[in-house]
């Protein structure tokens, strides 16, 4: 994996899928990435992904801001 690549976890029908993505650019907390198998609007894990394994069943909870 190169320095411009990271792994992200997608949730697809309640199951985790691991993807390697290439970072094309950053702006604050956001990043523009290129990834095979991910589309705009797909659910990705933003916290706690280091504890997940591919194929693991998960429950998605929406967290609202203050």
N, C-alpha and C. Protein backbone atom coordinates (compact mmCIF):
# COMPACT_ATOMS: atom_id res chain seq x y z
N UNK A 1 0.85 -1.17 0.00
CA UNK A 1 0.00 0.00 0.00
C UNK A 1 0.91 1.24 0.00
N UNK A 2 0.57 2.21 -0.83
CA UNK A 2 1.37 3.43 -0.92
C UNK A 2 0.93 4.44 0.13
N UNK A 3 1.73 5.50 0.37
CA UNK A 3 1.34 6.53 1.34
C UNK A 3 0.05 7.26 0.98
N UNK A 4 -0.34 7.23 -0.30
CA UNK A 4 -1.57 7.89 -0.73
C UNK A 4 -2.77 6.95 -0.71
N UNK A 5 -2.62 5.78 -0.11
CA UNK A 5 -3.72 4.82 -0.03
C UNK A 5 -4.09 4.57 1.43
N UNK A 6 -5.37 4.37 1.66
CA UNK A 6 -5.87 4.00 2.99
C UNK A 6 -6.93 2.93 2.81
N UNK A 7 -7.24 2.25 3.89
CA UNK A 7 -8.31 1.25 3.86
C UNK A 7 -9.53 1.84 4.53
N UNK A 8 -10.68 1.62 3.92
CA UNK A 8 -11.95 2.05 4.51
C UNK A 8 -12.88 0.86 4.57
N UNK A 9 -13.83 0.93 5.50
CA UNK A 9 -14.80 -0.14 5.67
C UNK A 9 -16.16 0.38 5.21
N UNK A 10 -16.75 -0.32 4.25
CA UNK A 10 -18.10 -0.02 3.77
C UNK A 10 -19.07 -0.95 4.49
N UNK A 11 -20.29 -0.48 4.71
CA UNK A 11 -21.35 -1.33 5.23
C UNK A 11 -22.33 -1.56 4.09
N UNK A 12 -22.44 -2.81 3.65
CA UNK A 12 -23.32 -3.19 2.54
C UNK A 12 -24.30 -4.24 3.05
N UNK A 13 -25.57 -3.85 3.16
CA UNK A 13 -26.61 -4.75 3.67
C UNK A 13 -26.26 -5.33 5.04
N UNK A 14 -25.69 -4.48 5.92
CA UNK A 14 -25.39 -4.90 7.28
C UNK A 14 -24.13 -5.71 7.45
N UNK A 15 -23.30 -5.79 6.40
CA UNK A 15 -22.07 -6.57 6.46
C UNK A 15 -20.91 -5.68 6.03
N UNK A 16 -19.76 -5.82 6.70
CA UNK A 16 -18.60 -4.99 6.38
C UNK A 16 -17.85 -5.51 5.16
N UNK A 17 -17.36 -4.54 4.36
CA UNK A 17 -16.55 -4.83 3.17
C UNK A 17 -15.35 -3.90 3.22
N UNK A 18 -14.15 -4.45 3.10
CA UNK A 18 -12.92 -3.66 3.16
C UNK A 18 -12.53 -3.20 1.76
N UNK A 19 -12.19 -1.90 1.63
CA UNK A 19 -11.76 -1.32 0.36
C UNK A 19 -10.45 -0.56 0.57
N UNK A 20 -9.55 -0.64 -0.39
CA UNK A 20 -8.38 0.22 -0.41
C UNK A 20 -8.69 1.37 -1.34
N UNK A 21 -8.51 2.60 -0.86
CA UNK A 21 -8.82 3.78 -1.68
C UNK A 21 -7.57 4.63 -1.83
N UNK A 22 -7.50 5.34 -2.95
CA UNK A 22 -6.41 6.26 -3.21
C UNK A 22 -6.88 7.67 -2.89
N UNK A 23 -6.13 8.40 -2.09
CA UNK A 23 -6.48 9.78 -1.75
C UNK A 23 -5.97 10.69 -2.86
N UNK A 24 -6.91 11.41 -3.51
CA UNK A 24 -6.56 12.31 -4.60
C UNK A 24 -6.36 13.74 -4.10
N UNK A 25 -7.03 14.11 -3.00
CA UNK A 25 -6.90 15.45 -2.44
C UNK A 25 -7.63 15.54 -1.13
N UNK A 26 -7.30 16.57 -0.34
CA UNK A 26 -7.93 16.78 0.97
C UNK A 26 -8.34 18.23 1.11
N UNK A 27 -9.43 18.44 1.85
CA UNK A 27 -9.90 19.78 2.20
C UNK A 27 -10.51 19.69 3.60
N UNK A 28 -9.75 20.10 4.62
CA UNK A 28 -10.22 19.96 5.99
C UNK A 28 -10.44 18.50 6.32
N UNK A 29 -11.62 18.16 6.89
CA UNK A 29 -11.89 16.78 7.26
C UNK A 29 -12.35 15.91 6.08
N UNK A 30 -12.48 16.49 4.91
CA UNK A 30 -12.97 15.75 3.74
C UNK A 30 -11.83 15.34 2.83
N UNK A 31 -12.05 14.26 2.10
CA UNK A 31 -11.04 13.79 1.16
C UNK A 31 -11.72 13.35 -0.13
N UNK A 32 -11.06 13.61 -1.23
CA UNK A 32 -11.50 13.11 -2.53
C UNK A 32 -10.73 11.82 -2.78
N UNK A 33 -11.45 10.72 -3.00
CA UNK A 33 -10.80 9.42 -3.14
C UNK A 33 -11.24 8.72 -4.42
N UNK A 34 -10.39 7.79 -4.85
CA UNK A 34 -10.74 6.91 -5.97
C UNK A 34 -10.71 5.49 -5.41
N UNK A 35 -11.81 4.77 -5.65
CA UNK A 35 -11.88 3.40 -5.15
C UNK A 35 -12.75 2.56 -6.06
N UNK A 36 -12.29 1.38 -6.38
CA UNK A 36 -13.13 0.44 -7.11
C UNK A 36 -14.10 -0.18 -6.12
N UNK A 37 -15.37 -0.26 -6.50
CA UNK A 37 -16.36 -0.90 -5.66
C UNK A 37 -17.08 0.04 -4.72
N UNK A 38 -16.69 1.31 -4.64
CA UNK A 38 -17.39 2.30 -3.83
C UNK A 38 -18.01 3.35 -4.74
N UNK A 39 -19.22 3.76 -4.40
CA UNK A 39 -19.92 4.79 -5.16
C UNK A 39 -20.33 5.92 -4.23
N UNK A 40 -20.59 7.09 -4.80
CA UNK A 40 -21.08 8.22 -4.00
C UNK A 40 -22.34 7.78 -3.27
N UNK A 41 -22.41 8.09 -1.98
CA UNK A 41 -23.57 7.73 -1.18
C UNK A 41 -23.46 6.41 -0.44
N UNK A 42 -22.45 5.60 -0.73
CA UNK A 42 -22.26 4.35 0.01
C UNK A 42 -21.94 4.66 1.47
N UNK A 43 -22.37 3.79 2.37
CA UNK A 43 -22.10 3.96 3.79
C UNK A 43 -20.70 3.47 4.13
N UNK A 44 -19.90 4.34 4.74
CA UNK A 44 -18.57 3.94 5.21
C UNK A 44 -18.47 4.25 6.70
N UNK A 45 -17.69 3.45 7.40
CA UNK A 45 -17.51 3.60 8.84
C UNK A 45 -16.51 4.74 9.09
N UNK A 46 -16.87 5.68 9.97
CA UNK A 46 -15.98 6.81 10.26
C UNK A 46 -15.36 6.73 11.65
N UNK A 47 -15.90 5.89 12.52
CA UNK A 47 -15.31 5.69 13.86
C UNK A 47 -15.39 4.22 14.23
N UNK A 48 -14.31 3.72 14.79
CA UNK A 48 -14.31 2.34 15.26
C UNK A 48 -13.98 1.31 14.19
N UNK A 49 -13.59 1.75 12.99
CA UNK A 49 -13.34 0.80 11.91
C UNK A 49 -12.12 -0.08 12.15
N UNK A 50 -11.22 0.33 13.03
CA UNK A 50 -10.03 -0.48 13.29
C UNK A 50 -10.37 -1.80 13.99
N UNK A 51 -11.57 -1.91 14.55
CA UNK A 51 -11.98 -3.14 15.25
C UNK A 51 -12.79 -4.08 14.36
N UNK A 52 -13.08 -3.66 13.13
CA UNK A 52 -13.95 -4.45 12.25
C UNK A 52 -13.14 -5.36 11.33
N UNK A 53 -13.75 -6.49 10.98
CA UNK A 53 -13.17 -7.44 10.04
C UNK A 53 -14.07 -7.55 8.82
N UNK A 54 -13.52 -7.86 7.66
CA UNK A 54 -14.36 -8.06 6.47
C UNK A 54 -15.39 -9.16 6.72
N UNK A 55 -16.63 -8.93 6.29
CA UNK A 55 -17.69 -9.91 6.43
C UNK A 55 -18.40 -9.91 7.77
N UNK A 56 -18.03 -8.99 8.65
CA UNK A 56 -18.63 -8.92 9.98
C UNK A 56 -20.01 -8.26 9.90
N UNK A 57 -20.98 -8.82 10.60
CA UNK A 57 -22.32 -8.22 10.65
C UNK A 57 -22.29 -7.01 11.58
N UNK A 58 -22.91 -5.91 11.14
CA UNK A 58 -22.96 -4.68 11.95
C UNK A 58 -24.36 -4.08 11.88
N UNK A 59 -24.65 -3.23 12.86
CA UNK A 59 -25.90 -2.48 12.88
C UNK A 59 -25.55 -1.01 12.72
N UNK A 60 -26.19 -0.34 11.79
CA UNK A 60 -25.93 1.07 11.52
C UNK A 60 -26.82 1.93 12.40
N UNK A 61 -26.22 2.89 13.09
CA UNK A 61 -26.96 3.86 13.90
C UNK A 61 -26.61 5.25 13.41
N UNK A 62 -27.62 6.06 13.19
CA UNK A 62 -27.39 7.44 12.77
C UNK A 62 -27.20 8.31 14.00
N UNK A 63 -26.15 9.10 14.01
CA UNK A 63 -25.87 10.01 15.12
C UNK A 63 -26.12 11.42 14.63
N UNK A 64 -26.94 12.13 15.36
CA UNK A 64 -27.25 13.52 14.99
C UNK A 64 -26.38 14.46 15.80
N UNK A 65 -26.02 15.59 15.19
CA UNK A 65 -25.21 16.61 15.86
C UNK A 65 -25.99 17.33 16.95
N UNK A 66 -25.31 18.22 17.66
CA UNK A 66 -25.94 18.93 18.79
C UNK A 66 -27.10 19.82 18.39
